[in-house]
PDB file of N, CA and C in Angstrom:
ATOM      1  N   GLN A   1       0.811  -1.212   0.000  1.00  0.00           N
ATOM      2  CA  GLN A   1       0.000   0.000   0.000  1.00  0.00           C
ATOM      3  C   GLN A   1       0.846   1.264   0.000  1.00  0.00           C
ATOM      4  N   VAL A   2       2.145   1.119   0.178  1.00  0.00           N
ATOM      5  CA  VAL A   2       3.032   2.272   0.132  1.00  0.00           C
ATOM      6  C   VAL A   2       3.231   2.679  -1.322  1.00  0.00           C
ATOM      7  N   GLN A   3       3.031   3.950  -1.590  1.00  0.00           N
ATOM      8  CA  GLN A   3       3.197   4.476  -2.936  1.00  0.00           C
ATOM      9  C   GLN A   3       3.936   5.798  -2.900  1.00  0.00           C
ATOM     10  N   LEU A   4       4.872   5.959  -3.820  1.00  0.00           N
ATOM     11  CA  LEU A   4       5.560   7.215  -4.055  1.00  0.00           C
ATOM     12  C   LEU A   4       5.334   7.554  -5.523  1.00  0.00           C
ATOM     13  N   VAL A   5       4.774   8.720  -5.787  1.00  0.00           N
ATOM     14  CA  VAL A   5       4.413   9.093  -7.143  1.00  0.00           C
ATOM     15  C   VAL A   5       5.065  10.417  -7.506  1.00  0.00           C
ATOM     16  N   GLU A   6       5.991  10.378  -8.477  1.00  0.00           N
ATOM     17  CA  GLU A   6       6.665  11.586  -8.939  1.00  0.00           C
ATOM     18  C   GLU A   6       5.839  12.283 -10.014  1.00  0.00           C
ATOM     19  N   SER A   7       5.999  13.585 -10.096  1.00  0.00           N
ATOM     20  CA  SER A   7       5.358  14.368 -11.139  1.00  0.00           C
ATOM     21  C   SER A   7       6.173  15.642 -11.353  1.00  0.00           C
ATOM     22  N   GLY A   8       5.883  16.350 -12.430  1.00  0.00           N
ATOM     23  CA  GLY A   8       6.532  17.620 -12.692  1.00  0.00           C
ATOM     24  C   GLY A   8       7.605  17.575 -13.759  1.00  0.00           C
ATOM     25  N   GLY A   9       7.903  16.402 -14.274  1.00  0.00           N
ATOM     26  CA  GLY A   9       8.897  16.301 -15.324  1.00  0.00           C
ATOM     27  C   GLY A   9       8.384  16.861 -16.635  1.00  0.00           C
ATOM     28  N   GLY A  10       9.288  16.993 -17.590  1.00  0.00           N
ATOM     29  CA  GLY A  10       8.934  17.521 -18.891  1.00  0.00           C
ATOM     30  C   GLY A  10      10.158  17.931 -19.663  1.00  0.00           C
ATOM     31  N   SER A  11       9.933  18.677 -20.735  1.00  0.00           N
ATOM     32  CA  SER A  11      11.017  19.164 -21.588  1.00  0.00           C
ATOM     33  C   SER A  11      11.260  20.637 -21.332  1.00  0.00           C
ATOM     34  N   VAL A  12      12.527  21.009 -21.269  1.00  0.00           N
ATOM     35  CA  VAL A  12      12.899  22.392 -21.003  1.00  0.00           C
ATOM     36  C   VAL A  12      14.211  22.699 -21.714  1.00  0.00           C
ATOM     37  N   GLN A  13      14.388  23.948 -22.103  1.00  0.00           N
ATOM     38  CA  GLN A  13      15.639  24.354 -22.730  1.00  0.00           C
ATOM     39  C   GLN A  13      16.722  24.560 -21.684  1.00  0.00           C
ATOM     40  N   ALA A  14      17.957  24.399 -22.100  1.00  0.00           N
ATOM     41  CA  ALA A  14      19.083  24.619 -21.200  1.00  0.00           C
ATOM     42  C   ALA A  14      18.981  25.993 -20.550  1.00  0.00           C
ATOM     43  N   GLY A  15      19.249  26.032 -19.252  1.00  0.00           N
ATOM     44  CA  GLY A  15      19.129  27.258 -18.488  1.00  0.00           C
ATOM     45  C   GLY A  15      17.792  27.413 -17.805  1.00  0.00           C
ATOM     46  N   GLY A  16      16.841  26.567 -18.137  1.00  0.00           N
ATOM     47  CA  GLY A  16      15.515  26.636 -17.564  1.00  0.00           C
ATOM     48  C   GLY A  16      15.410  25.951 -16.218  1.00  0.00           C
ATOM     49  N   SER A  17      14.176  25.905 -15.692  1.00  0.00           N
ATOM     50  CA  SER A  17      13.928  25.346 -14.368  1.00  0.00           C
ATOM     51  C   SER A  17      12.723  24.412 -14.379  1.00  0.00           C
ATOM     52  N   LEU A  18      12.724  23.469 -13.452  1.00  0.00           N
ATOM     53  CA  LEU A  18      11.602  22.573 -13.230  1.00  0.00           C
ATOM     54  C   LEU A  18      11.509  22.267 -11.749  1.00  0.00           C
ATOM     55  N   ARG A  19      10.310  21.936 -11.293  1.00  0.00           N
ATOM     56  CA  ARG A  19      10.096  21.514  -9.914  1.00  0.00           C
ATOM     57  C   ARG A  19       9.424  20.152  -9.919  1.00  0.00           C
ATOM     58  N   LEU A  20      10.099  19.158  -9.379  1.00  0.00           N
ATOM     59  CA  LEU A  20       9.564  17.820  -9.285  1.00  0.00           C
ATOM     60  C   LEU A  20       8.887  17.627  -7.932  1.00  0.00           C
ATOM     61  N   SER A  21       7.792  16.879  -7.935  1.00  0.00           N
ATOM     62  CA  SER A  21       7.069  16.578  -6.712  1.00  0.00           C
ATOM     63  C   SER A  21       7.007  15.071  -6.510  1.00  0.00           C
ATOM     64  N   CYS A  22       6.954  14.661  -5.253  1.00  0.00           N
ATOM     65  CA  CYS A  22       6.795  13.260  -4.902  1.00  0.00           C
ATOM     66  C   CYS A  22       5.696  13.167  -3.852  1.00  0.00           C
ATOM     67  N   ALA A  23       4.549  12.629  -4.237  1.00  0.00           N
ATOM     68  CA  ALA A  23       3.428  12.457  -3.326  1.00  0.00           C
ATOM     69  C   ALA A  23       3.526  11.095  -2.655  1.00  0.00           C
ATOM     70  N   LEU A  24       3.383  11.078  -1.333  1.00  0.00           N
ATOM     71  CA  LEU A  24       3.554   9.860  -0.558  1.00  0.00           C
ATOM     72  C   LEU A  24       2.225   9.335  -0.047  1.00  0.00           C
ATOM     73  N   SER A  25       2.083   8.012  -0.070  1.00  0.00           N
ATOM     74  CA  SER A  25       0.906   7.349   0.463  1.00  0.00           C
ATOM     75  C   SER A  25       1.357   6.116   1.231  1.00  0.00           C
ATOM     76  N   GLY A  26       0.922   5.988   2.482  1.00  0.00           N
ATOM     77  CA  GLY A  26       1.357   4.871   3.307  1.00  0.00           C
ATOM     78  C   GLY A  26       2.794   5.002   3.781  1.00  0.00           C
ATOM     79  N   TYR A  27       3.363   6.178   3.644  1.00  0.00           N
ATOM     80  CA  TYR A  27       4.733   6.473   4.026  1.00  0.00           C
ATOM     81  C   TYR A  27       4.796   7.947   4.359  1.00  0.00           C
ATOM     82  N   THR A  28       5.582   8.302   5.357  1.00  0.00           N
ATOM     83  CA  THR A  28       5.572   9.681   5.835  1.00  0.00           C
ATOM     84  C   THR A  28       6.765  10.468   5.313  1.00  0.00           C
ATOM     85  N   SER A  29       6.522  11.730   4.994  1.00  0.00           N
ATOM     86  CA  SER A  29       7.606  12.625   4.604  1.00  0.00           C
ATOM     87  C   SER A  29       8.512  12.951   5.778  1.00  0.00           C
ATOM     88  N   ARG A  30       8.116  12.557   6.972  1.00  0.00           N
ATOM     89  CA  ARG A  30       8.951  12.735   8.168  1.00  0.00           C
ATOM     90  C   ARG A  30       9.965  11.607   8.321  1.00  0.00           C
ATOM     91  N   ALA A  31      10.010  10.686   7.389  1.00  0.00           N
ATOM     92  CA  ALA A  31      10.953   9.580   7.447  1.00  0.00           C
ATOM     93  C   ALA A  31      12.380  10.084   7.591  1.00  0.00           C
ATOM     94  N   LYS A  32      13.200   9.292   8.256  1.00  0.00           N
ATOM     95  CA  LYS A  32      14.562   9.709   8.566  1.00  0.00           C
ATOM     96  C   LYS A  32      15.445   9.801   7.333  1.00  0.00           C
ATOM     97  N   CYS A  33      15.137   9.005   6.313  1.00  0.00           N
ATOM     98  CA  CYS A  33      15.992   8.940   5.129  1.00  0.00           C
ATOM     99  C   CYS A  33      15.150   8.917   3.859  1.00  0.00           C
ATOM    100  N   MET A  34      15.285   9.951   3.058  1.00  0.00           N
ATOM    101  CA  MET A  34      14.641  10.004   1.750  1.00  0.00           C
ATOM    102  C   MET A  34      15.625  10.587   0.745  1.00  0.00           C
ATOM    103  N   ALA A  35      15.373  10.339  -0.533  1.00  0.00           N
ATOM    104  CA  ALA A  35      16.334  10.771  -1.538  1.00  0.00           C
ATOM    105  C   ALA A  35      15.695  10.938  -2.905  1.00  0.00           C
ATOM    106  N   TRP A  36      16.409  11.659  -3.742  1.00  0.00           N
ATOM    107  CA  TRP A  36      16.128  11.732  -5.175  1.00  0.00           C
ATOM    108  C   TRP A  36      17.289  11.094  -5.923  1.00  0.00           C
ATOM    109  N   PHE A  37      16.961  10.228  -6.857  1.00  0.00           N
ATOM    110  CA  PHE A  37      17.936   9.602  -7.741  1.00  0.00           C
ATOM    111  C   PHE A  37      17.611   9.974  -9.179  1.00  0.00           C
ATOM    112  N   ARG A  38      18.571   9.753 -10.071  1.00  0.00           N
ATOM    113  CA  ARG A  38      18.304   9.877 -11.495  1.00  0.00           C
ATOM    114  C   ARG A  38      19.086   8.814 -12.244  1.00  0.00           C
ATOM    115  N   GLN A  39      18.593   8.481 -13.431  1.00  0.00           N
ATOM    116  CA  GLN A  39      19.231   7.443 -14.213  1.00  0.00           C
ATOM    117  C   GLN A  39      19.133   7.752 -15.697  1.00  0.00           C
ATOM    118  N   VAL A  40      20.250   7.567 -16.383  1.00  0.00           N
ATOM    119  CA  VAL A  40      20.348   7.727 -17.826  1.00  0.00           C
ATOM    120  C   VAL A  40      20.532   6.341 -18.430  1.00  0.00           C
ATOM    121  N   PRO A  41      19.898   6.045 -19.564  1.00  0.00           N
ATOM    122  CA  PRO A  41      20.080   4.729 -20.184  1.00  0.00           C
ATOM    123  C   PRO A  41      21.551   4.391 -20.360  1.00  0.00           C
ATOM    124  N   GLY A  42      21.924   3.181 -19.945  1.00  0.00           N
ATOM    125  CA  GLY A  42      23.296   2.736 -20.059  1.00  0.00           C
ATOM    126  C   GLY A  42      24.174   3.091 -18.884  1.00  0.00           C
ATOM    127  N   LYS A  43      23.634   3.837 -17.915  1.00  0.00           N
ATOM    128  CA  LYS A  43      24.403   4.226 -16.746  1.00  0.00           C
ATOM    129  C   LYS A  43      23.688   3.787 -15.474  1.00  0.00           C
ATOM    130  N   GLU A  44      24.449   3.714 -14.383  1.00  0.00           N
ATOM    131  CA  GLU A  44      23.890   3.326 -13.097  1.00  0.00           C
ATOM    132  C   GLU A  44      23.018   4.441 -12.527  1.00  0.00           C
ATOM    133  N   ARG A  45      22.031   4.025 -11.748  1.00  0.00           N
ATOM    134  CA  ARG A  45      21.209   4.997 -11.043  1.00  0.00           C
ATOM    135  C   ARG A  45      22.076   5.697  -9.995  1.00  0.00           C
ATOM    136  N   GLU A  46      22.016   7.021  -9.962  1.00  0.00           N
ATOM    137  CA  GLU A  46      22.868   7.776  -9.063  1.00  0.00           C
ATOM    138  C   GLU A  46      22.048   8.670  -8.144  1.00  0.00           C
ATOM    139  N   VAL A  47      22.531   8.806  -6.910  1.00  0.00           N
ATOM    140  CA  VAL A  47      21.877   9.675  -5.950  1.00  0.00           C
ATOM    141  C   VAL A  47      22.287  11.113  -6.230  1.00  0.00           C
ATOM    142  N   ILE A  48      21.324  12.031  -6.192  1.00  0.00           N
ATOM    143  CA  ILE A  48      21.638  13.431  -6.426  1.00  0.00           C
ATOM    144  C   ILE A  48      21.284  14.313  -5.228  1.00  0.00           C
ATOM    145  N   ALA A  49      20.377  13.855  -4.368  1.00  0.00           N
ATOM    146  CA  ALA A  49      20.001  14.626  -3.189  1.00  0.00           C
ATOM    147  C   ALA A  49      19.412  13.693  -2.145  1.00  0.00           C
ATOM    148  N   THR A  50      19.762  13.902  -0.877  1.00  0.00           N
ATOM    149  CA  THR A  50      19.215  13.091   0.211  1.00  0.00           C
ATOM    150  C   THR A  50      18.837  13.969   1.395  1.00  0.00           C
ATOM    151  N   TRP A  51      17.846  13.504   2.131  1.00  0.00           N
ATOM    152  CA  TRP A  51      17.430  14.096   3.401  1.00  0.00           C
ATOM    153  C   TRP A  51      17.684  13.032   4.448  1.00  0.00           C
ATOM    154  N   TYR A  52      18.588  13.309   5.389  1.00  0.00           N
ATOM    155  CA  TYR A  52      19.018  12.303   6.343  1.00  0.00           C
ATOM    156  C   TYR A  52      18.798  12.745   7.782  1.00  0.00           C
ATOM    157  N   SER A  53      18.101  11.918   8.552  1.00  0.00           N
ATOM    158  CA  SER A  53      17.874  12.075   9.978  1.00  0.00           C
ATOM    159  C   SER A  53      17.097  13.347  10.298  1.00  0.00           C
ATOM    160  N   GLY A  54      17.021  13.674  11.581  1.00  0.00           N
ATOM    161  CA  GLY A  54      16.255  14.813  12.025  1.00  0.00           C
ATOM    162  C   GLY A  54      17.049  16.098  12.150  1.00  0.00           C
ATOM    163  N   GLY A  55      18.304  16.061  11.759  1.00  0.00           N
ATOM    164  CA  GLY A  55      19.231  17.177  11.873  1.00  0.00           C
ATOM    165  C   GLY A  55      18.656  18.545  11.525  1.00  0.00           C
ATOM    166  N   PRO A  56      18.238  18.779  10.300  1.00  0.00           N
ATOM    167  CA  PRO A  56      18.365  17.876   9.153  1.00  0.00           C
ATOM    168  C   PRO A  56      19.716  17.978   8.466  1.00  0.00           C
ATOM    169  N   ILE A  57      20.066  16.942   7.768  1.00  0.00           N
ATOM    170  CA  ILE A  57      21.272  16.940   6.950  1.00  0.00           C
ATOM    171  C   ILE A  57      20.851  16.708   5.512  1.00  0.00           C
ATOM    172  N   THR A  58      21.200  17.619   4.651  1.00  0.00           N
ATOM    173  CA  THR A  58      20.865  17.507   3.241  1.00  0.00           C
ATOM    174  C   THR A  58      22.139  17.375   2.424  1.00  0.00           C
ATOM    175  N   TYR A  59      22.167  16.375   1.573  1.00  0.00           N
ATOM    176  CA  TYR A  59      23.331  16.102   0.742  1.00  0.00           C
ATOM    177  C   TYR A  59      22.982  16.313  -0.720  1.00  0.00           C
ATOM    178  N   TYR A  60      23.921  16.886  -1.470  1.00  0.00           N
ATOM    179  CA  TYR A  60      23.769  17.049  -2.909  1.00  0.00           C
ATOM    180  C   TYR A  60      25.029  16.557  -3.599  1.00  0.00           C
ATOM    181  N   SER A  61      24.847  15.867  -4.704  1.00  0.00           N
ATOM    182  CA  SER A  61      25.997  15.433  -5.476  1.00  0.00           C
ATOM    183  C   SER A  61      26.687  16.651  -6.082  1.00  0.00           C
ATOM    184  N   ASP A  62      27.966  16.495  -6.386  1.00  0.00           N
ATOM    185  CA  ASP A  62      28.730  17.610  -6.938  1.00  0.00           C
ATOM    186  C   ASP A  62      28.136  18.118  -8.251  1.00  0.00           C
ATOM    187  N   SER A  63      27.517  17.233  -9.001  1.00  0.00           N
ATOM    188  CA  SER A  63      26.995  17.612 -10.305  1.00  0.00           C
ATOM    189  C   SER A  63      25.789  18.547 -10.222  1.00  0.00           C
ATOM    190  N   VAL A  64      25.080  18.556  -9.086  1.00  0.00           N
ATOM    191  CA  VAL A  64      23.880  19.379  -8.965  1.00  0.00           C
ATOM    192  C   VAL A  64      23.973  20.406  -7.848  1.00  0.00           C
ATOM    193  N   LYS A  65      25.008  20.361  -7.047  1.00  0.00           N
ATOM    194  CA  LYS A  65      25.148  21.263  -5.913  1.00  0.00           C
ATOM    195  C   LYS A  65      25.105  22.718  -6.378  1.00  0.00           C
ATOM    196  N   GLY A  66      24.293  23.505  -5.701  1.00  0.00           N
ATOM    197  CA  GLY A  66      24.138  24.903  -6.053  1.00  0.00           C
ATOM    198  C   GLY A  66      23.057  25.162  -7.076  1.00  0.00           C
ATOM    199  N   ARG A  67      22.544  24.113  -7.700  1.00  0.00           N
ATOM    200  CA  ARG A  67      21.505  24.244  -8.709  1.00  0.00           C
ATOM    201  C   ARG A  67      20.194  23.579  -8.307  1.00  0.00           C
ATOM    202  N   PHE A  68      20.265  22.485  -7.555  1.00  0.00           N
ATOM    203  CA  PHE A  68      19.085  21.736  -7.137  1.00  0.00           C
ATOM    204  C   PHE A  68      18.867  21.909  -5.637  1.00  0.00           C
ATOM    205  N   THR A  69      17.606  21.905  -5.216  1.00  0.00           N
ATOM    206  CA  THR A  69      17.265  22.013  -3.805  1.00  0.00           C
ATOM    207  C   THR A  69      16.170  21.015  -3.454  1.00  0.00           C
ATOM    208  N   MET A  70      16.425  20.185  -2.453  1.00  0.00           N
ATOM    209  CA  MET A  70      15.437  19.228  -1.969  1.00  0.00           C
ATOM    210  C   MET A  70      14.714  19.827  -0.767  1.00  0.00           C
ATOM    211  N   SER A  71      13.402  19.639  -0.707  1.00  0.00           N
ATOM    212  CA  SER A  71      12.618  20.145   0.408  1.00  0.00           C
ATOM    213  C   SER A  71      11.445  19.212   0.673  1.00  0.00           C
ATOM    214  N   ARG A  72      10.738  19.463   1.768  1.00  0.00           N
ATOM    215  CA  ARG A  72       9.582  18.648   2.104  1.00  0.00           C
ATOM    216  C   ARG A  72       8.480  19.502   2.703  1.00  0.00           C
ATOM    217  N   ASP A  73       7.251  19.052   2.528  1.00  0.00           N
ATOM    218  CA  ASP A  73       6.086  19.695   3.108  1.00  0.00           C
ATOM    219  C   ASP A  73       5.337  18.607   3.862  1.00  0.00           C
ATOM    220  N   ASN A  74       5.538  18.566   5.167  1.00  0.00           N
ATOM    221  CA  ASN A  74       4.951  17.493   5.963  1.00  0.00           C
ATOM    222  C   ASN A  74       3.426  17.572   6.016  1.00  0.00           C
ATOM    223  N   ALA A  75       2.867  18.773   5.934  1.00  0.00           N
ATOM    224  CA  ALA A  75       1.421  18.927   5.939  1.00  0.00           C
ATOM    225  C   ALA A  75       0.797  18.278   4.709  1.00  0.00           C
ATOM    226  N   LYS A  76       1.497  18.328   3.587  1.00  0.00           N
ATOM    227  CA  LYS A  76       1.018  17.727   2.350  1.00  0.00           C
ATOM    228  C   LYS A  76       1.566  16.326   2.140  1.00  0.00           C
ATOM    229  N   ASN A  77       2.437  15.884   3.035  1.00  0.00           N
ATOM    230  CA  ASN A  77       3.077  14.579   2.927  1.00  0.00           C
ATOM    231  C   ASN A  77       3.725  14.424   1.554  1.00  0.00           C
ATOM    232  N   ALA A  78       4.600  15.358   1.237  1.00  0.00           N
ATOM    233  CA  ALA A  78       5.244  15.373  -0.067  1.00  0.00           C
ATOM    234  C   ALA A  78       6.676  15.875   0.057  1.00  0.00           C
ATOM    235  N   VAL A  79       7.495  15.508  -0.904  1.00  0.00           N
ATOM    236  CA  VAL A  79       8.853  16.027  -1.012  1.00  0.00           C
ATOM    237  C   VAL A  79       9.035  16.599  -2.410  1.00  0.00           C
ATOM    238  N   TYR A  80       9.996  17.516  -2.544  1.00  0.00           N
ATOM    239  CA  TYR A  80      10.166  18.244  -3.792  1.00  0.00           C
ATOM    240  C   TYR A  80      11.637  18.317  -4.177  1.00  0.00           C
ATOM    241  N   LEU A  81      11.865  18.557  -5.447  1.00  0.00           N
ATOM    242  CA  LEU A  81      13.197  18.824  -5.954  1.00  0.00           C
ATOM    243  C   LEU A  81      13.098  19.994  -6.920  1.00  0.00           C
ATOM    244  N   GLU A  82      13.622  21.146  -6.505  1.00  0.00           N
ATOM    245  CA  GLU A  82      13.663  22.320  -7.366  1.00  0.00           C
ATOM    246  C   GLU A  82      14.956  22.301  -8.168  1.00  0.00           C
ATOM    247  N   MET A  83      14.835  22.384  -9.475  1.00  0.00           N
ATOM    248  CA  MET A  83      15.985  22.309 -10.362  1.00  0.00           C
ATOM    249  C   MET A  83      16.080  23.601 -11.164  1.00  0.00           C
ATOM    250  N   THR A  84      17.230  24.243 -11.100  1.00  0.00           N
ATOM    251  CA  THR A  84      17.470  25.475 -11.840  1.00  0.00           C
ATOM    252  C   THR A  84      18.738  25.335 -12.672  1.00  0.00           C
ATOM    253  N   SER A  85      18.926  26.271 -13.600  1.00  0.00           N
ATOM    254  CA  SER A  85      20.098  26.267 -14.472  1.00  0.00           C
ATOM    255  C   SER A  85      20.324  24.891 -15.076  1.00  0.00           C
ATOM    256  N   LEU A  86      19.262  24.316 -15.592  1.00  0.00           N
ATOM    257  CA  LEU A  86      19.333  22.951 -16.111  1.00  0.00           C
ATOM    258  C   LEU A  86      20.272  22.857 -17.304  1.00  0.00           C
ATOM    259  N   GLN A  87      20.995  21.766 -17.353  1.00  0.00           N
ATOM    260  CA  GLN A  87      21.964  21.492 -18.398  1.00  0.00           C
ATOM    261  C   GLN A  87      21.548  20.251 -19.172  1.00  0.00           C
ATOM    262  N   THR A  88      22.104  20.104 -20.357  1.00  0.00           N
ATOM    263  CA  THR A  88      21.801  18.939 -21.181  1.00  0.00           C
ATOM    264  C   THR A  88      22.091  17.637 -20.434  1.00  0.00           C
ATOM    265  N   ASP A  89      23.157  17.627 -19.652  1.00  0.00           N
ATOM    266  CA  ASP A  89      23.534  16.432 -18.903  1.00  0.00           C
ATOM    267  C   ASP A  89      22.559  16.084 -17.780  1.00  0.00           C
ATOM    268  N   ASP A  90      21.623  16.970 -17.472  1.00  0.00           N
ATOM    269  CA  ASP A  90      20.607  16.683 -16.463  1.00  0.00           C
ATOM    270  C   ASP A  90      19.479  15.823 -17.019  1.00  0.00           C
ATOM    271  N   THR A  91      19.468  15.601 -18.313  1.00  0.00           N
ATOM    272  CA  THR A  91      18.450  14.758 -18.926  1.00  0.00           C
ATOM    273  C   THR A  91      18.520  13.353 -18.341  1.00  0.00           C
ATOM    274  N   ALA A  92      17.406  12.884 -17.772  1.00  0.00           N
ATOM    275  CA  ALA A  92      17.377  11.586 -17.109  1.00  0.00           C
ATOM    276  C   ALA A  92      15.967  11.311 -16.614  1.00  0.00           C
ATOM    277  N   THR A  93      15.766  10.091 -16.118  1.00  0.00           N
ATOM    278  CA  THR A  93      14.556   9.765 -15.390  1.00  0.00           C
ATOM    279  C   THR A  93      14.845   9.973 -13.913  1.00  0.00           C
ATOM    280  N   TYR A  94      13.997  10.721 -13.234  1.00  0.00           N
ATOM    281  CA  TYR A  94      14.206  11.066 -11.835  1.00  0.00           C
ATOM    282  C   TYR A  94      13.268  10.265 -10.945  1.00  0.00           C
ATOM    283  N   TYR A  95      13.824   9.731  -9.852  1.00  0.00           N
ATOM    284  CA  TYR A  95      13.089   8.864  -8.946  1.00  0.00           C
ATOM    285  C   TYR A  95      13.111   9.391  -7.522  1.00  0.00           C
ATOM    286  N   CYS A  96      11.990   9.282  -6.846  1.00  0.00           N
ATOM    287  CA  CYS A  96      11.886   9.548  -5.423  1.00  0.00           C
ATOM    288  C   CYS A  96      12.009   8.223  -4.686  1.00  0.00           C
ATOM    289  N   ALA A  97      12.719   8.206  -3.556  1.00  0.00           N
ATOM    290  CA  ALA A  97      12.948   6.967  -2.826  1.00  0.00           C
ATOM    291  C   ALA A  97      12.866   7.188  -1.323  1.00  0.00           C
ATOM    292  N   GLY A  98      12.384   6.160  -0.609  1.00  0.00           N
ATOM    293  CA  GLY A  98      12.291   6.210   0.845  1.00  0.00           C
ATOM    294  C   GLY A  98      12.874   4.965   1.477  1.00  0.00           C
ATOM    295  N   ALA A  99      13.455   5.119   2.654  1.00  0.00           N
ATOM    296  CA  ALA A  99      14.090   4.022   3.355  1.00  0.00           C
ATOM    297  C   ALA A  99      13.293   3.622   4.599  1.00  0.00           C
ATOM    298  N   VAL A 100      13.619   2.451   5.142  1.00  0.00           N
ATOM    299  CA  VAL A 100      13.056   1.964   6.404  1.00  0.00           C
ATOM    300  C   VAL A 100      14.208   1.573   7.306  1.00  0.00           C
ATOM    301  N   PRO A 101      13.979   1.509   8.624  1.00  0.00           N
ATOM    302  CA  PRO A 101      15.048   1.096   9.525  1.00  0.00           C
ATOM    303  C   PRO A 101      15.498  -0.331   9.253  1.00  0.00           C
ATOM    304  N   PRO A 102      16.763  -0.649   9.371  1.00  0.00           N
ATOM    305  CA  PRO A 102      17.878   0.258   9.654  1.00  0.00           C
ATOM    306  C   PRO A 102      18.176   1.141   8.447  1.00  0.00           C
ATOM    307  N   TRP A 103      18.502   2.363   8.682  1.00  0.00           N
ATOM    308  CA  TRP A 103      18.599   3.376   7.641  1.00  0.00           C
ATOM    309  C   TRP A 103      19.815   3.245   6.744  1.00  0.00           C
ATOM    310  N   GLY A 104      20.843   2.574   7.208  1.00  0.00           N
ATOM    311  CA  GLY A 104      22.059   2.463   6.416  1.00  0.00           C
ATOM    312  C   GLY A 104      22.710   3.816   6.220  1.00  0.00           C
ATOM    313  N   ALA A 105      23.417   3.955   5.121  1.00  0.00           N
ATOM    314  CA  ALA A 105      24.126   5.193   4.840  1.00  0.00           C
ATOM    315  C   ALA A 105      23.244   6.248   4.190  1.00  0.00           C
ATOM    316  N   CYS A 106      22.055   5.870   3.777  1.00  0.00           N
ATOM    317  CA  CYS A 106      21.121   6.788   3.122  1.00  0.00           C
ATOM    318  C   CYS A 106      21.779   7.440   1.909  1.00  0.00           C
ATOM    319  N   SER A 107      22.462   6.621   1.118  1.00  0.00           N
ATOM    320  CA  SER A 107      23.189   7.155  -0.026  1.00  0.00           C
ATOM    321  C   SER A 107      23.250   6.223  -1.226  1.00  0.00           C
ATOM    322  N   LYS A 108      22.932   4.953  -1.022  1.00  0.00           N
ATOM    323  CA  LYS A 108      23.040   3.969  -2.082  1.00  0.00           C
ATOM    324  C   LYS A 108      21.662   3.422  -2.455  1.00  0.00           C
ATOM    325  N   VAL A 109      21.559   2.903  -3.671  1.00  0.00           N
ATOM    326  CA  VAL A 109      20.312   2.301  -4.117  1.00  0.00           C
ATOM    327  C   VAL A 109      19.842   1.238  -3.134  1.00  0.00           C
ATOM    328  N   ALA A 110      20.776   0.438  -2.613  1.00  0.00           N
ATOM    329  CA  ALA A 110      20.444  -0.656  -1.715  1.00  0.00           C
ATOM    330  C   ALA A 110      19.902  -0.179  -0.373  1.00  0.00           C
ATOM    331  N   ASP A 111      20.090   1.083  -0.035  1.00  0.00           N
ATOM    332  CA  ASP A 111      19.603   1.616   1.226  1.00  0.00           C
ATOM    333  C   ASP A 111      18.104   1.889   1.209  1.00  0.00           C
ATOM    334  N   PHE A 112      17.485   1.879   0.031  1.00  0.00           N
ATOM    335  CA  PHE A 112      16.102   2.321  -0.104  1.00  0.00           C
ATOM    336  C   PHE A 112      15.158   1.176  -0.446  1.00  0.00           C
ATOM    337  N   THR A 113      13.988   1.214   0.169  1.00  0.00           N
ATOM    338  CA  THR A 113      12.993   0.170   0.028  1.00  0.00           C
ATOM    339  C   THR A 113      11.874   0.565  -0.927  1.00  0.00           C
ATOM    340  N   TYR A 114      11.432   1.809  -0.854  1.00  0.00           N
ATOM    341  CA  TYR A 114      10.292   2.267  -1.630  1.00  0.00           C
ATOM    342  C   TYR A 114      10.734   3.214  -2.736  1.00  0.00           C
ATOM    343  N   TRP A 115      10.195   2.983  -3.928  1.00  0.00           N
ATOM    344  CA  TRP A 115      10.566   3.760  -5.109  1.00  0.00           C
ATOM    345  C   TRP A 115       9.340   4.176  -5.904  1.00  0.00           C
ATOM    346  N   GLY A 116       9.392   5.373  -6.452  1.00  0.00           N
ATOM    347  CA  GLY A 116       8.397   5.769  -7.421  1.00  0.00           C
ATOM    348  C   GLY A 116       8.748   5.200  -8.778  1.00  0.00           C
ATOM    349  N   LEU A 117       7.864   5.381  -9.738  1.00  0.00           N
ATOM    350  CA  LEU A 117       8.090   4.863 -11.084  1.00  0.00           C
ATOM    351  C   LEU A 117       8.938   5.798 -11.936  1.00  0.00           C
ATOM    352  N   GLY A 118       9.162   7.008 -11.469  1.00  0.00           N
ATOM    353  CA  GLY A 118      10.033   7.940 -12.157  1.00  0.00           C
ATOM    354  C   GLY A 118       9.283   8.942 -13.015  1.00  0.00           C
ATOM    355  N   THR A 119       9.926  10.078 -13.242  1.00  0.00           N
ATOM    356  CA  THR A 119       9.403  11.104 -14.130  1.00  0.00           C
ATOM    357  C   THR A 119      10.545  11.584 -15.024  1.00  0.00           C
ATOM    358  N   GLN A 120      10.266  11.744 -16.304  1.00  0.00           N
ATOM    359  CA  GLN A 120      11.300  12.061 -17.279  1.00  0.00           C
ATOM    360  C   GLN A 120      11.552  13.561 -17.349  1.00  0.00           C
ATOM    361  N   VAL A 121      12.830  13.914 -17.348  1.00  0.00           N
ATOM    362  CA  VAL A 121      13.263  15.292 -17.544  1.00  0.00           C
ATOM    363  C   VAL A 121      14.173  15.324 -18.765  1.00  0.00           C
ATOM    364  N   THR A 122      13.837  16.168 -19.732  1.00  0.00           N
ATOM    365  CA  THR A 122      14.624  16.284 -20.949  1.00  0.00           C
ATOM    366  C   THR A 122      15.046  17.736 -21.134  1.00  0.00           C
ATOM    367  N   VAL A 123      16.343  17.958 -21.222  1.00  0.00           N
ATOM    368  CA  VAL A 123      16.900  19.296 -21.390  1.00  0.00           C
ATOM    369  C   VAL A 123      17.592  19.352 -22.739  1.00  0.00           C
ATOM    370  N   SER A 124      17.238  20.340 -23.540  1.00  0.00           N
ATOM    371  CA  SER A 124      17.819  20.466 -24.869  1.00  0.00           C
ATOM    372  C   SER A 124      18.234  21.894 -25.173  1.00  0.00           C
TER     373      SER A 124
END
């Protein structure tokens, strides 16, 4: 019954912006470990942003640091990824993911139990 549903993807020109949303059902946005991943055909799925513990501690990969921002709205039980200054290399399928205890490192694909089906982002 746990569902994570991404939305907000689409096509945008280089330099543009998009905001991705992840609606949660049967899982709380207050979870200790959540993340955004992306994947390009022929390449491994990579983590680009994580929300870890109650600190909060937010991590961004070097490729998106300063351009992407992860946030959450607990009242709406949702998490977001704001993307600005988009580049051609940002083209990928983006996934929302949630973990369960034990939380692990909150950084690898294997650390996460629940996944959305993904939303496509194309930058040209």
